[in-house]
Amino acid sequence: MPEQKSTQSPQEDAAPGVSMSPASEKNAPCASALPTGKQRNIVLIGMPGVGKTTIAKRLMRAADMEFLDTDRVIEAQCGKKISELVAENGAEGFISLENRICAGIDTDNCVIATGGSVVYGEDAMRHLSEIGTVVYLKLAFPLLKKRLDTSLAERGVVLRHGQTFYDLYRERVPLYEKYADIVIDERTCYPTQTAERVYRALRRFGFFRGKAVSFLPHRALFSQNAQDDAASTDVPSGPDSRKKMRFSHAEKTKAARRQKKN
């Protein structure tokens, strides 16, 4: 008998916590339908505190890719910290600077962690969308606020005069959604789980073909993952949070015992 094709839509077979833009949903089942440039890099966007750098490094290690932090690129070119540049140039001045520098990034096989304000730069986002698939790491405001353990000024968060963090959140979310090819909901997720969600979604775009990608707790990778998770503020919430936290602790304990034996 001839093989029957699935009638499920791309959204129906997506992983939990993952959604895609209309254009991405249309193209996702056929990786060859995507522009070649979209498969060059992975671009992570989202609010400060969602863990873009942590998730980018997790994907980098698991998939043998390179890592690039746009904030570090800006600091290297300007010779100053992001917080200093924001203080000296003001919100609009920094956004213009960030837009110019990010629009000139040229890299391949790289996971790119962007600054939260990059979505204000049309040139930058147009360029990043051309050279990679844009993934929006989404987190509800109450959970996001709990993660910020330092002042916004120290983190170099771009706030206009009189603007609150909640104002900033409401202003940026539509921009993140506008540019995203994939949206990952981080609720109830530790960094490793978020990275796995990103991975599963990206496979539908043709990423990682021919690569042995693993998030399993083998000695070298899991040891680093456990350290990152323990130090991270990515604490699950919801009815199953305690169960997940107990399971995570048990896995870390087993990994530590295996390391001592060796």
Protein backbone atom coordinates (compact mmCIF):
# COMPACT_ATOMS: atom_id res chain seq x y z
CA MET A 1 0.00 0.00 0.00
CA PRO A 2 1.25 3.52 -0.75
CA GLU A 3 2.53 5.41 2.27
CA GLN A 4 0.01 7.90 3.64
CA LYS A 5 1.26 11.38 4.38
CA SER A 6 0.44 13.03 7.68
CA THR A 7 -2.31 15.62 7.57
CA GLN A 8 -1.05 17.37 10.70
CA SER A 9 -0.13 21.01 10.41
CA PRO A 10 3.37 22.15 11.41
CA GLN A 11 1.97 23.69 14.57
CA GLU A 12 0.25 20.47 15.61
CA ASP A 13 3.46 18.41 15.64
CA ALA A 14 5.58 21.11 17.25
CA ALA A 15 7.14 20.45 20.63
CA PRO A 16 5.40 21.77 23.75
CA GLY A 17 6.32 25.37 24.45
CA VAL A 18 7.27 26.00 20.83
CA SER A 19 5.45 28.13 18.30
CA MET A 20 6.38 29.51 14.92
CA SER A 21 5.61 32.59 12.91
CA PRO A 22 3.11 32.12 10.03
CA ALA A 23 5.88 32.26 7.44
CA SER A 24 7.99 29.79 9.39
CA GLU A 25 5.08 27.38 9.85
CA LYS A 26 4.53 27.39 6.10
CA ASN A 27 8.16 26.56 5.34
CA ALA A 28 9.17 24.43 8.31
CA PRO A 29 8.30 20.95 6.90
CA CYS A 30 10.66 21.53 3.99
CA ALA A 31 14.08 22.81 5.03
CA SER A 32 15.07 23.39 1.39
CA ALA A 33 12.25 25.97 1.14
CA LEU A 34 14.13 28.23 3.55
CA PRO A 35 16.69 30.70 2.19
CA THR A 36 20.19 29.27 2.49
CA GLY A 37 21.28 32.15 4.70
CA LYS A 38 18.66 31.28 7.33
CA GLN A 39 20.48 28.01 7.97
CA ARG A 40 23.87 29.66 8.57
CA ASN A 41 23.37 30.69 12.19
CA ILE A 42 20.99 30.64 15.16
CA VAL A 43 20.06 34.09 16.50
CA LEU A 44 18.60 34.30 20.02
CA ILE A 45 16.53 37.36 20.97
CA GLY A 46 14.55 38.24 24.08
CA MET A 47 14.36 40.38 27.21
CA PRO A 48 17.30 40.76 29.61
CA GLY A 49 17.23 37.84 32.02
CA VAL A 50 15.74 35.17 29.72
CA GLY A 51 19.12 33.42 29.51
CA LYS A 52 20.16 34.07 25.90
CA THR A 53 23.87 33.69 26.66
CA THR A 54 23.38 30.56 28.79
CA ILE A 55 21.18 28.87 26.17
CA ALA A 56 23.52 29.89 23.34
CA LYS A 57 26.50 28.31 25.10
CA ARG A 58 24.49 25.16 25.79
CA LEU A 59 23.61 24.83 22.10
CA MET A 60 27.18 25.65 21.09
CA ARG A 61 28.62 22.82 23.21
CA ALA A 62 25.98 20.28 22.24
CA ALA A 63 26.02 20.97 18.49
CA ASP A 64 29.71 21.82 18.02
CA MET A 65 29.00 25.36 16.84
CA GLU A 66 30.68 28.68 17.54
CA PHE A 67 29.36 31.29 19.99
CA LEU A 68 29.03 35.04 19.59
CA ASP A 69 27.64 37.59 22.08
CA THR A 70 26.75 40.86 20.35
CA ASP A 71 27.22 42.82 23.60
CA ARG A 72 30.82 41.59 23.79
CA VAL A 73 31.35 42.55 20.14
CA ILE A 74 30.12 46.07 20.87
CA GLU A 75 32.31 46.34 23.96
CA ALA A 76 35.37 45.14 22.04
CA GLN A 77 34.86 47.65 19.23
CA CYS A 78 34.15 50.57 21.57
CA GLY A 79 36.53 49.67 24.39
CA LYS A 80 33.86 50.23 27.05
CA LYS A 81 31.22 48.23 28.94
CA ILE A 82 27.62 48.26 27.73
CA SER A 83 26.49 50.07 30.89
CA GLU A 84 29.06 52.81 30.23
CA LEU A 85 28.02 53.18 26.60
CA VAL A 86 24.35 53.49 27.57
CA ALA A 87 25.18 56.08 30.24
CA GLU A 88 27.35 58.12 27.87
CA ASN A 89 25.24 57.93 24.72
CA GLY A 90 21.72 57.74 26.13
CA ALA A 91 19.11 55.22 24.97
CA GLU A 92 18.77 56.48 21.41
CA GLY A 93 22.51 56.93 20.94
CA PHE A 94 23.25 53.41 22.12
CA ILE A 95 20.49 51.92 19.96
CA SER A 96 22.02 53.62 16.92
CA LEU A 97 25.47 52.29 17.83
CA GLU A 98 24.16 48.78 18.41
CA ASN A 99 22.22 48.87 15.14
CA ARG A 100 25.31 49.82 13.14
CA ILE A 101 27.64 47.23 14.69
CA CYS A 102 25.16 44.32 14.63
CA ALA A 103 24.28 45.05 11.01
CA GLY A 104 27.91 44.35 10.15
CA ILE A 105 28.27 40.96 11.84
CA ASP A 106 29.46 38.26 9.44
CA THR A 107 29.74 34.72 10.79
CA ASP A 108 28.79 31.10 10.04
CA ASN A 109 27.88 28.01 12.08
CA CYS A 110 27.37 30.23 15.09
CA VAL A 111 24.86 30.65 17.92
CA ILE A 112 24.41 34.40 18.35
CA ALA A 113 23.20 35.82 21.67
CA THR A 114 21.94 39.37 21.14
CA GLY A 115 21.36 42.28 23.50
CA GLY A 116 17.74 42.82 24.47
CA SER A 117 17.58 46.16 22.65
CA VAL A 118 18.80 44.84 19.29
CA VAL A 119 15.19 44.64 18.02
CA TYR A 120 15.03 48.45 17.91
CA GLY A 121 17.57 48.44 15.09
CA GLU A 122 15.87 47.75 11.76
CA ASP A 123 19.15 47.38 9.87
CA ALA A 124 20.54 45.00 12.47
CA MET A 125 17.44 42.79 12.57
CA ARG A 126 17.11 42.72 8.80
CA HIS A 127 20.72 41.54 8.56
CA LEU A 128 20.48 39.00 11.39
CA SER A 129 17.28 37.61 9.88
CA GLU A 130 19.10 37.14 6.58
CA ILE A 131 22.08 35.26 8.04
CA GLY A 132 20.24 33.10 10.57
CA THR A 133 17.03 31.74 12.04
CA VAL A 134 15.74 34.05 14.77
CA VAL A 135 14.58 32.38 18.00
CA TYR A 136 12.65 34.42 20.59
CA LEU A 137 13.09 33.17 24.16
CA LYS A 138 9.80 34.14 25.78
CA LEU A 139 9.11 34.50 29.49
CA ALA A 140 6.15 36.02 31.35
CA PHE A 141 6.91 39.28 33.13
CA PRO A 142 6.45 38.05 36.75
CA LEU A 143 8.99 35.25 36.21
CA LEU A 144 11.32 37.55 34.32
CA LYS A 145 11.31 40.11 37.11
CA LYS A 146 12.31 37.45 39.66
CA ARG A 147 15.38 36.52 37.63
CA LEU A 148 16.93 39.99 37.62
CA ASP A 149 19.19 39.94 40.64
CA THR A 150 21.11 43.12 39.74
CA SER A 151 19.99 46.66 38.97
CA LEU A 152 18.94 47.41 35.42
CA ALA A 153 21.67 50.07 35.13
CA GLU A 154 24.39 47.57 36.07
CA ARG A 155 23.14 45.18 33.39
CA GLY A 156 23.22 47.96 30.80
CA VAL A 157 19.47 47.72 30.14
CA VAL A 158 18.39 50.44 27.72
CA LEU A 159 15.65 52.44 29.46
CA ARG A 160 14.34 55.78 28.26
CA HIS A 161 13.72 58.59 30.76
CA GLY A 162 10.79 57.74 33.03
CA GLN A 163 10.36 54.26 31.57
CA THR A 164 9.82 51.31 33.92
CA PHE A 165 10.93 47.74 33.29
CA TYR A 166 7.30 46.76 32.74
CA ASP A 167 6.93 49.57 30.18
CA LEU A 168 10.02 48.21 28.45
CA TYR A 169 8.61 44.68 28.45
CA ARG A 170 5.32 45.78 26.87
CA GLU A 171 7.17 47.83 24.26
CA ARG A 172 9.61 45.11 23.22
CA VAL A 173 7.44 41.98 23.16
CA PRO A 174 5.69 42.96 19.88
CA LEU A 175 9.11 43.56 18.30
CA TYR A 176 10.45 40.18 19.42
CA GLU A 177 7.34 38.52 18.00
CA LYS A 178 7.67 40.50 14.77
CA TYR A 179 11.18 39.27 14.01
CA ALA A 180 10.97 35.73 15.44
CA ASP A 181 10.98 32.67 13.21
CA ILE A 182 10.50 30.49 16.30
CA VAL A 183 9.11 31.32 19.75
CA ILE A 184 10.23 29.24 22.74
CA ASP A 185 8.19 29.52 25.95
CA GLU A 186 10.60 29.06 28.87
CA ARG A 187 8.03 28.43 31.60
CA THR A 188 8.94 25.41 33.81
CA CYS A 189 12.29 25.09 32.03
CA TYR A 190 15.87 24.82 33.21
CA PRO A 191 18.50 25.98 30.67
CA THR A 192 19.12 22.45 29.38
CA GLN A 193 15.40 21.93 28.75
CA THR A 194 15.11 25.26 26.93
CA ALA A 195 18.11 24.38 24.77
CA GLU A 196 16.48 21.06 23.89
CA ARG A 197 13.28 22.85 22.87
CA VAL A 198 15.29 25.16 20.62
CA TYR A 199 17.06 22.15 19.14
CA ARG A 200 13.85 20.24 18.37
CA ALA A 201 12.31 23.27 16.69
CA LEU A 202 15.43 24.00 14.63
CA ARG A 203 15.63 20.43 13.34
CA ARG A 204 12.49 21.19 11.37
CA PHE A 205 14.47 23.91 9.60
CA GLY A 206 17.18 21.48 8.52
CA PHE A 207 19.66 22.37 11.26
CA PHE A 208 21.99 19.79 12.80
CA ARG A 209 21.80 17.36 9.89
CA GLY A 210 24.76 15.01 10.04
CA LYS A 211 25.65 16.18 13.56
CA ALA A 212 25.59 14.04 16.69
CA VAL A 213 23.78 16.48 18.98
CA SER A 214 23.42 15.32 22.57
CA PHE A 215 21.98 16.85 25.73
CA LEU A 216 22.36 13.56 27.62
CA PRO A 217 24.18 13.59 30.96
CA HIS A 218 27.50 12.17 29.77
CA ARG A 219 30.40 13.15 32.01
CA ALA A 220 31.92 16.23 30.36
CA LEU A 221 28.77 17.92 29.03
CA PHE A 222 26.47 17.20 31.94
CA SER A 223 29.05 18.26 34.51
CA GLN A 224 29.12 21.73 32.97
CA ASN A 225 25.34 21.74 32.46
CA ALA A 226 24.77 20.91 36.12
CA GLN A 227 27.02 23.76 37.20
CA ASP A 228 25.20 26.17 34.92
CA ASP A 229 21.77 25.05 36.11
CA ALA A 230 22.78 25.30 39.76
CA ALA A 231 24.06 28.85 39.27
CA SER A 232 21.20 29.93 37.03
CA THR A 233 18.01 31.70 38.05
CA ASP A 234 16.05 29.57 35.57
CA VAL A 235 13.94 27.94 38.30
CA PRO A 236 10.84 26.04 37.10
CA SER A 237 7.45 27.18 38.27
CA GLY A 238 4.03 25.55 38.15
CA PRO A 239 2.38 22.45 39.61
CA ASP A 240 5.18 20.07 38.59
CA SER A 241 8.06 22.33 39.61
CA ARG A 242 8.94 20.50 42.86
CA LYS A 243 8.97 17.15 41.11
CA LYS A 244 11.24 18.48 38.36
CA MET A 245 13.59 20.08 40.86
CA ARG A 246 13.87 16.81 42.85
CA PHE A 247 14.60 14.90 39.65
CA SER A 248 17.23 17.44 38.59
CA HIS A 249 18.92 17.24 42.02
CA ALA A 250 19.00 13.44 41.86
CA GLU A 251 20.60 13.49 38.43
CA LYS A 252 23.27 15.95 39.57
CA THR A 253 24.03 13.78 42.62
CA LYS A 254 24.47 10.69 40.44
CA ALA A 255 26.77 12.61 38.09
CA ALA A 256 28.91 13.79 41.02
CA ARG A 257 29.25 10.22 42.33
CA ARG A 258 30.32 8.96 38.90
CA GLN A 259 32.99 11.65 38.71
CA LYS A 260 34.38 10.70 42.16
CA LYS A 261 34.68 7.04 41.13
CA ASN A 262 36.70 8.09 38.08
